[in-house]
């Protein structure tokens, strides 16, 4: 019975790891990575290593995906172009008319 449970959890880990590699969107990769961490924690529990399973839950299932999601969010925000603020007269301001900010 124990061998069957170990094989089933190993298959779940392999499926989750393959899904993490095949997903292209970084935000979705972080979520699949969290799922992989959960399946690894389950595997460690089945292998009677509860201390390693708890560490995996904390780091692999929560902390690492959270840091990845925050990094992706910050990078995506930086990549968005900022709209140029129009001057009160309706004409482009001199600081943005030549393509450089802050220079006239």
Protein backbone atom coordinates (compact mmCIF):
# COMPACT_ATOMS: atom_id res chain seq x y z
CA UNK A 1 0.00 0.00 0.00
CA UNK A 2 2.81 2.40 0.84
CA UNK A 3 4.53 1.77 -2.48
CA UNK A 4 1.35 2.58 -4.40
CA UNK A 5 0.95 5.85 -2.49
CA UNK A 6 4.55 6.80 -3.18
CA UNK A 7 4.18 6.05 -6.89
CA UNK A 8 0.97 8.09 -7.09
CA UNK A 9 2.58 11.11 -5.40
CA UNK A 10 5.65 10.78 -7.63
CA UNK A 11 3.38 10.85 -10.69
CA UNK A 12 1.63 13.94 -9.30
CA UNK A 13 4.99 15.63 -8.78
CA UNK A 14 6.07 14.74 -12.33
CA UNK A 15 2.82 16.12 -13.78
CA UNK A 16 3.08 19.36 -11.77
CA UNK A 17 6.75 19.82 -12.72
CA UNK A 18 5.98 19.26 -16.39
CA UNK A 19 3.12 21.75 -16.21
CA UNK A 20 5.43 24.32 -14.59
CA UNK A 21 7.86 23.96 -17.48
CA UNK A 22 5.23 24.08 -20.23
CA UNK A 23 3.33 27.15 -19.01
CA UNK A 24 4.59 30.30 -20.76
CA UNK A 25 2.99 33.12 -18.75
CA UNK A 26 5.18 34.00 -15.72
CA UNK A 27 2.20 34.70 -13.47
CA UNK A 28 0.70 31.31 -14.27
CA UNK A 29 4.09 29.69 -13.83
CA UNK A 30 4.20 31.03 -10.28
CA UNK A 31 0.81 29.50 -9.55
CA UNK A 32 1.81 26.15 -11.05
CA UNK A 33 5.04 26.34 -9.04
CA UNK A 34 2.92 26.69 -5.93
CA UNK A 35 1.01 23.57 -6.95
CA UNK A 36 4.32 21.78 -7.46
CA UNK A 37 5.36 22.80 -3.95
CA UNK A 38 2.14 21.36 -2.56
CA UNK A 39 2.68 18.05 -4.34
CA UNK A 40 6.28 17.90 -3.11
CA UNK A 41 5.07 18.56 0.44
CA UNK A 42 2.60 15.71 0.00
CA UNK A 43 5.41 13.46 -1.23
CA UNK A 44 7.57 14.35 1.77
CA UNK A 45 4.66 13.60 4.08
CA UNK A 46 4.14 10.21 2.45
CA UNK A 47 7.87 9.52 2.83
CA UNK A 48 7.50 10.30 6.56
CA UNK A 49 9.52 13.51 6.54
CA UNK A 50 7.08 15.98 8.13
CA UNK A 51 9.75 18.57 8.93
CA UNK A 52 10.82 18.75 5.30
CA UNK A 53 7.17 18.84 4.24
CA UNK A 54 6.49 21.84 6.49
CA UNK A 55 9.55 23.64 5.11
CA UNK A 56 8.40 22.89 1.58
CA UNK A 57 4.95 24.25 2.35
CA UNK A 58 6.37 27.48 3.71
CA UNK A 59 9.05 28.11 1.12
CA UNK A 60 8.08 26.21 -2.01
CA UNK A 61 4.33 26.68 -1.88
CA UNK A 62 3.99 30.15 -0.43
CA UNK A 63 7.10 32.31 -0.31
CA UNK A 64 8.75 31.57 -3.66
CA UNK A 65 5.56 31.93 -5.78
CA UNK A 66 4.67 35.11 -3.88
CA UNK A 67 8.07 36.65 -4.62
CA UNK A 68 7.79 35.64 -8.27
CA UNK A 69 4.31 37.16 -8.57
CA UNK A 70 5.48 40.41 -6.97
CA UNK A 71 8.49 40.54 -9.30
CA UNK A 72 6.34 39.94 -12.38
CA UNK A 73 3.92 42.63 -11.23
CA UNK A 74 6.72 45.15 -10.75
CA UNK A 75 8.31 44.36 -14.12
CA UNK A 76 4.98 44.66 -15.92
CA UNK A 77 4.31 48.02 -14.27
CA UNK A 78 7.72 49.33 -15.32
CA UNK A 79 7.16 48.28 -18.91
CA UNK A 80 3.97 50.31 -19.34
CA UNK A 81 4.53 53.63 -21.13
CA UNK A 82 3.43 56.68 -19.21
CA UNK A 83 1.02 58.98 -21.01
CA UNK A 84 2.37 62.48 -21.59
CA UNK A 85 0.48 65.09 -19.60
CA UNK A 86 -0.87 67.83 -21.89
CA UNK A 87 -0.01 71.41 -21.06
CA UNK A 88 -2.83 73.79 -20.07
CA UNK A 89 -2.76 75.35 -23.55
CA UNK A 90 -3.41 71.97 -25.19
CA UNK A 91 0.00 71.94 -26.92
CA UNK A 92 2.65 69.35 -26.04
CA UNK A 93 4.99 70.65 -23.40
CA UNK A 94 8.58 71.42 -24.49
CA UNK A 95 9.92 68.78 -22.10
CA UNK A 96 8.12 65.98 -23.98
CA UNK A 97 8.01 67.46 -27.48
CA UNK A 98 11.62 66.57 -28.27
CA UNK A 99 11.27 63.04 -26.90
CA UNK A 100 13.33 63.64 -23.77
CA UNK A 101 11.88 64.34 -20.37
CA UNK A 102 13.02 67.24 -18.28
CA UNK A 103 15.05 69.04 -20.97
CA UNK A 104 13.91 71.99 -22.98
